Amino acid sequence: MNNTSDEFIESMLVATIAGEMKWSQGSAELQTLLEDVYGNSTMLYM
């Protein structure tokens, strides 16, 4: 049985390497949301 979570992350990896996904730093709004949920964030890309 295949792990669909692995397949999804692998597809993001391939798309990132191919330049199809252009990542940027997270916004201040996103930082606030994640800190509300997790209490902190050590890395943030979107």
All heavy atoms as atom14 arrays in JSON, in Angstrom:
{
  "sequence": "MNNTSDEFIESMLVATIAGEMKWSQGSAELQTLLEDVYGNSTMLYM",
  "atom14_mask": [
    [1, 1, 1, 1, 1, 1, 1, 1, 0, 0, 0, 0, 0, 0],
    [1, 1, 1, 1, 1, 1, 1, 1, 0, 0, 0, 0, 0, 0],
    [1, 1, 1, 1, 1, 1, 1, 1, 0, 0, 0, 0, 0, 0],
    [1, 1, 1, 1, 1, 1, 1, 0, 0, 0, 0, 0, 0, 0],
    [1, 1, 1, 1, 1, 1, 0, 0, 0, 0, 0, 0, 0, 0],
    [1, 1, 1, 1, 1, 1, 1, 1, 0, 0, 0, 0, 0, 0],
    [1, 1, 1, 1, 1, 1, 1, 1, 1, 0, 0, 0, 0, 0],
    [1, 1, 1, 1, 1, 1, 1, 1, 1, 1, 1, 0, 0, 0],
    [1, 1, 1, 1, 1, 1, 1, 1, 0, 0, 0, 0, 0, 0],
    [1, 1, 1, 1, 1, 1, 1, 1, 1, 0, 0, 0, 0, 0],
    [1, 1, 1, 1, 1, 1, 0, 0, 0, 0, 0, 0, 0, 0],
    [1, 1, 1, 1, 1, 1, 1, 1, 0, 0, 0, 0, 0, 0],
    [1, 1, 1, 1, 1, 1, 1, 1, 0, 0, 0, 0, 0, 0],
    [1, 1, 1, 1, 1, 1, 1, 0, 0, 0, 0, 0, 0, 0],
    [1, 1, 1, 1, 1, 0, 0, 0, 0, 0, 0, 0, 0, 0],
    [1, 1, 1, 1, 1, 1, 1, 0, 0, 0, 0, 0, 0, 0],
    [1, 1, 1, 1, 1, 1, 1, 1, 0, 0, 0, 0, 0, 0],
    [1, 1, 1, 1, 1, 0, 0, 0, 0, 0, 0, 0, 0, 0],
    [1, 1, 1, 1, 0, 0, 0, 0, 0, 0, 0, 0, 0, 0],
    [1, 1, 1, 1, 1, 1, 1, 1, 1, 0, 0, 0, 0, 0],
    [1, 1, 1, 1, 1, 1, 1, 1, 0, 0, 0, 0, 0, 0],
    [1, 1, 1, 1, 1, 1, 1, 1, 1, 0, 0, 0, 0, 0],
    [1, 1, 1, 1, 1, 1, 1, 1, 1, 1, 1, 1, 1, 1],
    [1, 1, 1, 1, 1, 1, 0, 0, 0, 0, 0, 0, 0, 0],
    [1, 1, 1, 1, 1, 1, 1, 1, 1, 0, 0, 0, 0, 0],
    [1, 1, 1, 1, 0, 0, 0, 0, 0, 0, 0, 0, 0, 0],
    [1, 1, 1, 1, 1, 1, 0, 0, 0, 0, 0, 0, 0, 0],
    [1, 1, 1, 1, 1, 0, 0, 0, 0, 0, 0, 0, 0, 0],
    [1, 1, 1, 1, 1, 1, 1, 1, 1, 0, 0, 0, 0, 0],
    [1, 1, 1, 1, 1, 1, 1, 1, 0, 0, 0, 0, 0, 0],
    [1, 1, 1, 1, 1, 1, 1, 1, 1, 0, 0, 0, 0, 0],
    [1, 1, 1, 1, 1, 1, 1, 0, 0, 0, 0, 0, 0, 0],
    [1, 1, 1, 1, 1, 1, 1, 1, 0, 0, 0, 0, 0, 0],
    [1, 1, 1, 1, 1, 1, 1, 1, 0, 0, 0, 0, 0, 0],
    [1, 1, 1, 1, 1, 1, 1, 1, 1, 0, 0, 0, 0, 0],
    [1, 1, 1, 1, 1, 1, 1, 1, 0, 0, 0, 0, 0, 0],
    [1, 1, 1, 1, 1, 1, 1, 0, 0, 0, 0, 0, 0, 0],
    [1, 1, 1, 1, 1, 1, 1, 1, 1, 1, 1, 1, 0, 0],
    [1, 1, 1, 1, 0, 0, 0, 0, 0, 0, 0, 0, 0, 0],
    [1, 1, 1, 1, 1, 1, 1, 1, 0, 0, 0, 0, 0, 0],
    [1, 1, 1, 1, 1, 1, 0, 0, 0, 0, 0, 0, 0, 0],
    [1, 1, 1, 1, 1, 1, 1, 0, 0, 0, 0, 0, 0, 0],
    [1, 1, 1, 1, 1, 1, 1, 1, 0, 0, 0, 0, 0, 0],
    [1, 1, 1, 1, 1, 1, 1, 1, 0, 0, 0, 0, 0, 0],
    [1, 1, 1, 1, 1, 1, 1, 1, 1, 1, 1, 1, 0, 0],
    [1, 1, 1, 1, 1, 1, 1, 1, 0, 0, 0, 0, 0, 0]
  ],
  "atom14_positions": [
    [[0.84, -1.19, 0.0], [0.0, 0.0, 0.0], [0.88, 1.25, 0.0], [1.87, 1.32, 0.73], [-0.89, -0.01, 1.24], [-1.84, 1.14, 1.29], [-3.04, 0.99, 2.63], [-2.28, 2.01, 3.86], [0.0, 0.0, 0.0], [0.0, 0.0, 0.0], [0.0, 0.0, 0.0], [0.0, 0.0, 0.0], [0.0, 0.0, 0.0], [0.0, 0.0, 0.0]],
    [[0.56, 2.23, -0.81], [1.3, 3.47, -0.88], [0.81, 4.45, 0.17], [-0.37, 4.49, 0.48], [1.15, 4.11, -2.26], [1.86, 3.33, -3.34], [2.82, 2.62, -3.07], [1.39, 3.45, -4.56], [0.0, 0.0, 0.0], [0.0, 0.0, 0.0], [0.0, 0.0, 0.0], [0.0, 0.0, 0.0], [0.0, 0.0, 0.0], [0.0, 0.0, 0.0]],
    [[1.73, 5.23, 0.69], [1.38, 6.27, 1.65], [1.11, 7.56, 0.86], [2.03, 8.14, 0.28], [2.53, 6.45, 2.65], [2.2, 7.45, 3.73], [1.47, 8.4, 3.51], [2.75, 7.24, 4.89], [0.0, 0.0, 0.0], [0.0, 0.0, 0.0], [0.0, 0.0, 0.0], [0.0, 0.0, 0.0], [0.0, 0.0, 0.0], [0.0, 0.0, 0.0]],
    [[-0.13, 7.99, 0.82], [-0.48, 9.16, 0.02], [0.16, 10.44, 0.57], [0.42, 11.36, -0.2], [-2.01, 9.34, -0.09], [-2.56, 9.4, 1.22], [-2.63, 8.2, -0.86], [0.0, 0.0, 0.0], [0.0, 0.0, 0.0], [0.0, 0.0, 0.0], [0.0, 0.0, 0.0], [0.0, 0.0, 0.0], [0.0, 0.0, 0.0], [0.0, 0.0, 0.0]],
    [[0.43, 10.48, 1.87], [1.12, 11.66, 2.43], [2.54, 11.74, 1.86], [2.99, 12.81, 1.47], [1.17, 11.58, 3.96], [-0.13, 11.67, 4.49], [0.0, 0.0, 0.0], [0.0, 0.0, 0.0], [0.0, 0.0, 0.0], [0.0, 0.0, 0.0], [0.0, 0.0, 0.0], [0.0, 0.0, 0.0], [0.0, 0.0, 0.0], [0.0, 0.0, 0.0]],
    [[3.23, 10.6, 1.79], [4.56, 10.57, 1.19], [4.5, 11.01, -0.27], [5.33, 11.81, -0.72], [5.16, 9.17, 1.28], [5.67, 8.81, 2.65], [4.87, 8.79, 3.61], [6.88, 8.56, 2.78], [0.0, 0.0, 0.0], [0.0, 0.0, 0.0], [0.0, 0.0, 0.0], [0.0, 0.0, 0.0], [0.0, 0.0, 0.0], [0.0, 0.0, 0.0]],
    [[3.52, 10.48, -1.0], [3.39, 10.83, -2.42], [3.13, 12.32, -2.6], [3.68, 12.94, -3.52], [2.25, 10.02, -3.05], [2.57, 8.54, -3.16], [1.37, 7.71, -3.59], [0.25, 8.25, -3.67], [1.57, 6.51, -3.84], [0.0, 0.0, 0.0], [0.0, 0.0, 0.0], [0.0, 0.0, 0.0], [0.0, 0.0, 0.0], [0.0, 0.0, 0.0]],
    [[2.32, 12.9, -1.74], [2.03, 14.33, -1.84], [3.28, 15.17, -1.57], [3.59, 16.08, -2.34], [0.91, 14.71, -0.86], [0.57, 16.17, -0.87], [-0.05, 16.74, -1.96], [0.9, 16.98, 0.2], [-0.36, 18.09, -1.99], [0.6, 18.33, 0.18], [-0.02, 18.89, -0.91], [0.0, 0.0, 0.0], [0.0, 0.0, 0.0], [0.0, 0.0, 0.0]],
    [[4.01, 14.84, -0.52], [5.24, 15.6, -0.2], [6.27, 15.39, -1.31], [6.94, 16.34, -1.72], [5.81, 15.19, 1.18], [4.78, 15.4, 2.29], [7.1, 15.96, 1.47], [4.31, 16.82, 2.48], [0.0, 0.0, 0.0], [0.0, 0.0, 0.0], [0.0, 0.0, 0.0], [0.0, 0.0, 0.0], [0.0, 0.0, 0.0], [0.0, 0.0, 0.0]],
    [[6.38, 14.16, -1.84], [7.3, 13.9, -2.95], [6.93, 14.73, -4.17], [7.81, 15.27, -4.86], [7.29, 12.42, -3.33], [8.1, 11.55, -2.42], [8.02, 10.07, -2.8], [7.3, 9.71, -3.76], [8.68, 9.28, -2.11], [0.0, 0.0, 0.0], [0.0, 0.0, 0.0], [0.0, 0.0, 0.0], [0.0, 0.0, 0.0], [0.0, 0.0, 0.0]],
    [[5.64, 14.86, -4.47], [5.22, 15.65, -5.62], [5.56, 17.13, -5.42], [5.94, 17.82, -6.37], [3.73, 15.47, -5.91], [2.93, 16.07, -4.92], [0.0, 0.0, 0.0], [0.0, 0.0, 0.0], [0.0, 0.0, 0.0], [0.0, 0.0, 0.0], [0.0, 0.0, 0.0], [0.0, 0.0, 0.0], [0.0, 0.0, 0.0], [0.0, 0.0, 0.0]],
    [[5.45, 17.61, -4.18], [5.83, 19.0, -3.89], [7.34, 19.17, -4.06], [7.8, 20.19, -4.58], [5.42, 19.37, -2.47], [3.93, 19.51, -2.29], [3.45, 19.85, -0.59], [4.32, 21.36, -0.28], [0.0, 0.0, 0.0], [0.0, 0.0, 0.0], [0.0, 0.0, 0.0], [0.0, 0.0, 0.0], [0.0, 0.0, 0.0], [0.0, 0.0, 0.0]],
    [[8.11, 18.18, -3.64], [9.56, 18.22, -3.78], [9.95, 18.29, -5.26], [10.76, 19.13, -5.66], [10.18, 16.99, -3.1], [11.68, 16.8, -3.24], [12.45, 17.97, -2.65], [12.11, 15.49, -2.57], [0.0, 0.0, 0.0], [0.0, 0.0, 0.0], [0.0, 0.0, 0.0], [0.0, 0.0, 0.0], [0.0, 0.0, 0.0], [0.0, 0.0, 0.0]],
    [[9.37, 17.42, -6.07], [9.66, 17.4, -7.5], [9.27, 18.73, -8.15], [10.04, 19.3, -8.94], [8.95, 16.21, -8.19], [9.02, 16.31, -9.7], [9.55, 14.89, -7.7], [0.0, 0.0, 0.0], [0.0, 0.0, 0.0], [0.0, 0.0, 0.0], [0.0, 0.0, 0.0], [0.0, 0.0, 0.0], [0.0, 0.0, 0.0], [0.0, 0.0, 0.0]],
    [[8.1, 19.25, -7.81], [7.64, 20.52, -8.38], [8.53, 21.68, -7.94], [8.78, 22.6, -8.72], [6.19, 20.78, -7.98], [0.0, 0.0, 0.0], [0.0, 0.0, 0.0], [0.0, 0.0, 0.0], [0.0, 0.0, 0.0], [0.0, 0.0, 0.0], [0.0, 0.0, 0.0], [0.0, 0.0, 0.0], [0.0, 0.0, 0.0], [0.0, 0.0, 0.0]],
    [[9.02, 21.63, -6.72], [9.91, 22.68, -6.23], [11.24, 22.64, -6.97], [11.74, 23.67, -7.43], [10.14, 22.53, -4.7], [8.88, 22.67, -4.05], [11.1, 23.59, -4.18], [0.0, 0.0, 0.0], [0.0, 0.0, 0.0], [0.0, 0.0, 0.0], [0.0, 0.0, 0.0], [0.0, 0.0, 0.0], [0.0, 0.0, 0.0], [0.0, 0.0, 0.0]],
    [[11.81, 21.45, -7.12], [13.09, 21.3, -7.83], [12.93, 21.74, -9.29], [13.83, 22.38, -9.84], [13.59, 19.84, -7.73], [14.01, 19.54, -6.28], [14.74, 19.59, -8.69], [14.28, 18.08, -5.98], [0.0, 0.0, 0.0], [0.0, 0.0, 0.0], [0.0, 0.0, 0.0], [0.0, 0.0, 0.0], [0.0, 0.0, 0.0], [0.0, 0.0, 0.0]],
    [[11.78, 21.44, -9.89], [11.53, 21.81, -11.29], [11.18, 23.29, -11.45], [11.03, 23.77, -12.56], [10.4, 20.96, -11.85], [0.0, 0.0, 0.0], [0.0, 0.0, 0.0], [0.0, 0.0, 0.0], [0.0, 0.0, 0.0], [0.0, 0.0, 0.0], [0.0, 0.0, 0.0], [0.0, 0.0, 0.0], [0.0, 0.0, 0.0], [0.0, 0.0, 0.0]],
    [[11.06, 24.01, -10.34], [10.74, 25.44, -10.4], [9.26, 25.73, -10.61], [8.89, 26.86, -10.9], [0.0, 0.0, 0.0], [0.0, 0.0, 0.0], [0.0, 0.0, 0.0], [0.0, 0.0, 0.0], [0.0, 0.0, 0.0], [0.0, 0.0, 0.0], [0.0, 0.0, 0.0], [0.0, 0.0, 0.0], [0.0, 0.0, 0.0], [0.0, 0.0, 0.0]],
    [[8.41, 24.72, -10.46], [6.98, 24.9, -10.65], [6.31, 25.48, -9.41], [5.22, 26.03, -9.5], [6.32, 23.57, -11.0], [6.82, 23.01, -12.33], [6.42, 21.57, -12.55], [5.63, 21.01, -11.74], [6.91, 20.98, -13.52], [0.0, 0.0, 0.0], [0.0, 0.0, 0.0], [0.0, 0.0, 0.0], [0.0, 0.0, 0.0], [0.0, 0.0, 0.0]],
    [[6.93, 25.34, -8.26], [6.41, 25.93, -7.02], [7.42, 26.98, -6.57], [8.57, 26.65, -6.31], [6.25, 24.87, -5.92], [5.15, 23.87, -6.19], [4.94, 22.69, -4.83], [3.94, 23.65, -3.7], [0.0, 0.0, 0.0], [0.0, 0.0, 0.0], [0.0, 0.0, 0.0], [0.0, 0.0, 0.0], [0.0, 0.0, 0.0], [0.0, 0.0, 0.0]],
    [[6.99, 28.21, -6.53], [7.84, 29.33, -6.1], [7.48, 29.69, -4.67], [6.43, 30.28, -4.41], [7.67, 30.54, -7.02], [7.99, 30.27, -8.46], [9.47, 30.06, -8.66], [9.77, 29.91, -10.15], [11.07, 29.38, -10.4], [0.0, 0.0, 0.0], [0.0, 0.0, 0.0], [0.0, 0.0, 0.0], [0.0, 0.0, 0.0], [0.0, 0.0, 0.0]],
    [[8.33, 29.31, -3.75], [8.09, 29.52, -2.32], [8.59, 30.89, -1.9], [9.55, 31.42, -2.46], [8.81, 28.45, -1.52], [8.29, 27.07, -1.74], [8.64, 26.21, -2.75], [7.33, 26.37, -0.95], [7.95, 25.03, -2.62], [7.15, 25.1, -1.53], [6.61, 26.71, 0.19], [6.27, 24.16, -1.01], [5.74, 25.76, 0.71], [5.57, 24.51, 0.13]],
    [[7.95, 31.45, -0.9], [8.39, 32.72, -0.31], [8.32, 32.6, 1.2], [7.78, 31.62, 1.73], [7.51, 33.87, -0.8], [6.17, 33.68, -0.35], [0.0, 0.0, 0.0], [0.0, 0.0, 0.0], [0.0, 0.0, 0.0], [0.0, 0.0, 0.0], [0.0, 0.0, 0.0], [0.0, 0.0, 0.0], [0.0, 0.0, 0.0], [0.0, 0.0, 0.0]],
    [[8.84, 33.59, 1.88], [8.73, 33.62, 3.34], [7.27, 33.85, 3.71], [6.54, 34.49, 2.98], [9.59, 34.75, 3.93], [11.07, 34.55, 3.75], [11.61, 33.37, 4.54], [11.12, 33.04, 5.6], [12.63, 32.73, 4.01], [0.0, 0.0, 0.0], [0.0, 0.0, 0.0], [0.0, 0.0, 0.0], [0.0, 0.0, 0.0], [0.0, 0.0, 0.0]],
    [[6.86, 33.33, 4.82], [5.49, 33.51, 5.28], [5.21, 34.95, 5.67], [6.11, 35.69, 6.05], [0.0, 0.0, 0.0], [0.0, 0.0, 0.0], [0.0, 0.0, 0.0], [0.0, 0.0, 0.0], [0.0, 0.0, 0.0], [0.0, 0.0, 0.0], [0.0, 0.0, 0.0], [0.0, 0.0, 0.0], [0.0, 0.0, 0.0], [0.0, 0.0, 0.0]],
    [[3.96, 35.33, 5.59], [3.54, 36.69, 5.94], [3.4, 36.83, 7.45], [3.35, 35.84, 8.19], [2.19, 36.99, 5.27], [1.18, 36.14, 5.82], [0.0, 0.0, 0.0], [0.0, 0.0, 0.0], [0.0, 0.0, 0.0], [0.0, 0.0, 0.0], [0.0, 0.0, 0.0], [0.0, 0.0, 0.0], [0.0, 0.0, 0.0], [0.0, 0.0, 0.0]],
    [[3.29, 38.07, 7.91], [3.08, 38.34, 9.34], [1.75, 37.74, 9.81], [1.67, 37.21, 10.92], [3.12, 39.84, 9.59], [0.0, 0.0, 0.0], [0.0, 0.0, 0.0], [0.0, 0.0, 0.0], [0.0, 0.0, 0.0], [0.0, 0.0, 0.0], [0.0, 0.0, 0.0], [0.0, 0.0, 0.0], [0.0, 0.0, 0.0], [0.0, 0.0, 0.0]],
    [[0.72, 37.8, 8.96], [-0.58, 37.21, 9.31], [-0.47, 35.71, 9.5], [-1.04, 35.14, 10.43], [-1.61, 37.5, 8.21], [-1.96, 38.95, 8.05], [-2.73, 39.19, 6.76], [-2.39, 38.57, 5.73], [-3.67, 39.99, 6.8], [0.0, 0.0, 0.0], [0.0, 0.0, 0.0], [0.0, 0.0, 0.0], [0.0, 0.0, 0.0], [0.0, 0.0, 0.0]],
    [[0.28, 35.08, 8.61], [0.48, 33.63, 8.71], [1.28, 33.28, 9.95], [0.96, 32.33, 10.66], [1.18, 33.13, 7.45], [1.39, 31.64, 7.33], [0.08, 30.89, 7.42], [2.09, 31.32, 6.02], [0.0, 0.0, 0.0], [0.0, 0.0, 0.0], [0.0, 0.0, 0.0], [0.0, 0.0, 0.0], [0.0, 0.0, 0.0], [0.0, 0.0, 0.0]],
    [[2.3, 34.06, 10.23], [3.11, 33.86, 11.44], [2.23, 33.93, 12.69], [2.32, 33.07, 13.56], [4.21, 34.93, 11.51], [5.12, 34.83, 12.71], [6.29, 33.91, 12.46], [6.71, 33.74, 11.33], [6.81, 33.34, 13.51], [0.0, 0.0, 0.0], [0.0, 0.0, 0.0], [0.0, 0.0, 0.0], [0.0, 0.0, 0.0], [0.0, 0.0, 0.0]],
    [[1.36, 34.91, 12.74], [0.45, 35.07, 13.88], [-0.48, 33.87, 14.01], [-0.68, 33.34, 15.1], [-0.36, 36.37, 13.74], [0.55, 37.47, 13.7], [-1.34, 36.54, 14.89], [0.0, 0.0, 0.0], [0.0, 0.0, 0.0], [0.0, 0.0, 0.0], [0.0, 0.0, 0.0], [0.0, 0.0, 0.0], [0.0, 0.0, 0.0], [0.0, 0.0, 0.0]],
    [[-1.05, 33.42, 12.89], [-1.95, 32.27, 12.9], [-1.24, 31.03, 13.44], [-1.77, 30.33, 14.3], [-2.5, 32.0, 11.5], [-3.33, 30.73, 11.32], [-4.59, 30.77, 12.17], [-3.66, 30.52, 9.86], [0.0, 0.0, 0.0], [0.0, 0.0, 0.0], [0.0, 0.0, 0.0], [0.0, 0.0, 0.0], [0.0, 0.0, 0.0], [0.0, 0.0, 0.0]],
    [[-0.04, 30.78, 12.95], [0.68, 29.58, 13.39], [1.11, 29.68, 14.85], [1.1, 28.68, 15.57], [1.88, 29.32, 12.49], [1.51, 28.91, 11.07], [2.75, 28.69, 10.24], [0.63, 27.68, 11.06], [0.0, 0.0, 0.0], [0.0, 0.0, 0.0], [0.0, 0.0, 0.0], [0.0, 0.0, 0.0], [0.0, 0.0, 0.0], [0.0, 0.0, 0.0]],
    [[1.46, 30.87, 15.29], [1.81, 31.03, 16.7], [0.6, 30.84, 17.6], [0.72, 30.33, 18.7], [2.53, 32.35, 16.93], [3.93, 32.31, 16.34], [4.75, 33.55, 16.59], [4.27, 34.48, 17.28], [5.89, 33.6, 16.09], [0.0, 0.0, 0.0], [0.0, 0.0, 0.0], [0.0, 0.0, 0.0], [0.0, 0.0, 0.0], [0.0, 0.0, 0.0]],
    [[-0.59, 31.22, 17.1], [-1.82, 30.97, 17.86], [-2.08, 29.47, 17.98], [-2.55, 28.99, 19.01], [-3.02, 31.65, 17.2], [-3.01, 33.16, 17.37], [-2.21, 33.66, 18.2], [-3.78, 33.84, 16.67], [0.0, 0.0, 0.0], [0.0, 0.0, 0.0], [0.0, 0.0, 0.0], [0.0, 0.0, 0.0], [0.0, 0.0, 0.0], [0.0, 0.0, 0.0]],
    [[-1.79, 28.71, 16.91], [-2.05, 27.27, 16.9], [-0.96, 26.49, 17.63], [-1.25, 25.65, 18.47], [-2.2, 26.76, 15.44], [-2.29, 25.24, 15.41], [-3.42, 27.38, 14.79], [0.0, 0.0, 0.0], [0.0, 0.0, 0.0], [0.0, 0.0, 0.0], [0.0, 0.0, 0.0], [0.0, 0.0, 0.0], [0.0, 0.0, 0.0], [0.0, 0.0, 0.0]],
    [[0.31, 26.76, 17.29], [1.42, 25.97, 17.82], [2.15, 26.63, 18.97], [2.93, 25.99, 19.66], [2.43, 25.67, 16.71], [1.87, 24.81, 15.61], [1.67, 25.32, 14.34], [1.52, 23.49, 15.85], [1.15, 24.54, 13.33], [1.0, 22.7, 14.85], [0.82, 23.24, 13.59], [0.3, 22.47, 12.6], [0.0, 0.0, 0.0], [0.0, 0.0, 0.0]],
    [[1.95, 27.92, 19.15], [2.66, 28.64, 20.19], [3.98, 29.22, 19.72], [4.57, 30.07, 20.37], [0.0, 0.0, 0.0], [0.0, 0.0, 0.0], [0.0, 0.0, 0.0], [0.0, 0.0, 0.0], [0.0, 0.0, 0.0], [0.0, 0.0, 0.0], [0.0, 0.0, 0.0], [0.0, 0.0, 0.0], [0.0, 0.0, 0.0], [0.0, 0.0, 0.0]],
    [[4.46, 28.76, 18.56], [5.72, 29.26, 18.02], [5.85, 28.78, 16.58], [5.09, 27.95, 16.12], [6.91, 28.74, 18.85], [7.04, 27.23, 18.78], [7.49, 26.69, 17.78], [6.63, 26.53, 19.83], [0.0, 0.0, 0.0], [0.0, 0.0, 0.0], [0.0, 0.0, 0.0], [0.0, 0.0, 0.0], [0.0, 0.0, 0.0], [0.0, 0.0, 0.0]],
    [[6.84, 29.31, 15.9], [7.23, 28.77, 14.59], [8.71, 29.03, 14.41], [9.2, 30.1, 14.75], [6.4, 29.36, 13.45], [6.63, 30.73, 13.33], [0.0, 0.0, 0.0], [0.0, 0.0, 0.0], [0.0, 0.0, 0.0], [0.0, 0.0, 0.0], [0.0, 0.0, 0.0], [0.0, 0.0, 0.0], [0.0, 0.0, 0.0], [0.0, 0.0, 0.0]],
    [[9.42, 28.03, 13.92], [10.87, 28.14, 13.75], [11.26, 28.29, 12.29], [12.38, 28.64, 11.99], [11.58, 26.89, 14.34], [11.08, 25.72, 13.68], [11.33, 26.79, 15.83], [0.0, 0.0, 0.0], [0.0, 0.0, 0.0], [0.0, 0.0, 0.0], [0.0, 0.0, 0.0], [0.0, 0.0, 0.0], [0.0, 0.0, 0.0], [0.0, 0.0, 0.0]],
    [[10.32, 27.99, 11.38], [10.57, 28.08, 9.95], [9.21, 28.29, 9.28], [8.21, 27.72, 9.71], [11.19, 26.78, 9.46], [11.28, 26.66, 7.96], [11.72, 25.0, 7.4], [10.48, 23.98, 8.16], [0.0, 0.0, 0.0], [0.0, 0.0, 0.0], [0.0, 0.0, 0.0], [0.0, 0.0, 0.0], [0.0, 0.0, 0.0], [0.0, 0.0, 0.0]],
    [[9.19, 29.1, 8.25], [7.92, 29.39, 7.61], [8.14, 29.73, 6.13], [8.79, 30.72, 5.81], [7.25, 30.56, 8.33], [5.81, 30.86, 8.03], [4.92, 29.68, 8.35], [5.35, 32.07, 8.84], [0.0, 0.0, 0.0], [0.0, 0.0, 0.0], [0.0, 0.0, 0.0], [0.0, 0.0, 0.0], [0.0, 0.0, 0.0], [0.0, 0.0, 0.0]],
    [[7.61, 28.89, 5.26], [7.62, 29.14, 3.82], [6.2, 28.96, 3.31], [5.45, 28.13, 3.82], [8.53, 28.14, 3.08], [9.99, 28.27, 3.43], [10.63, 27.31, 4.2], [10.74, 29.37, 2.99], [11.96, 27.42, 4.52], [12.07, 29.49, 3.31], [12.69, 28.51, 4.07], [14.01, 28.63, 4.38], [0.0, 0.0, 0.0], [0.0, 0.0, 0.0]],
    [[5.86, 29.71, 2.27], [4.51, 29.59, 1.73], [4.52, 29.65, 0.22], [5.44, 30.19, -0.4], [3.58, 30.65, 2.31], [3.93, 32.07, 1.97], [2.89, 33.29, 2.79], [1.44, 33.2, 1.77], [0.0, 0.0, 0.0], [0.0, 0.0, 0.0], [0.0, 0.0, 0.0], [0.0, 0.0, 0.0], [0.0, 0.0, 0.0], [0.0, 0.0, 0.0]]
  ]
}
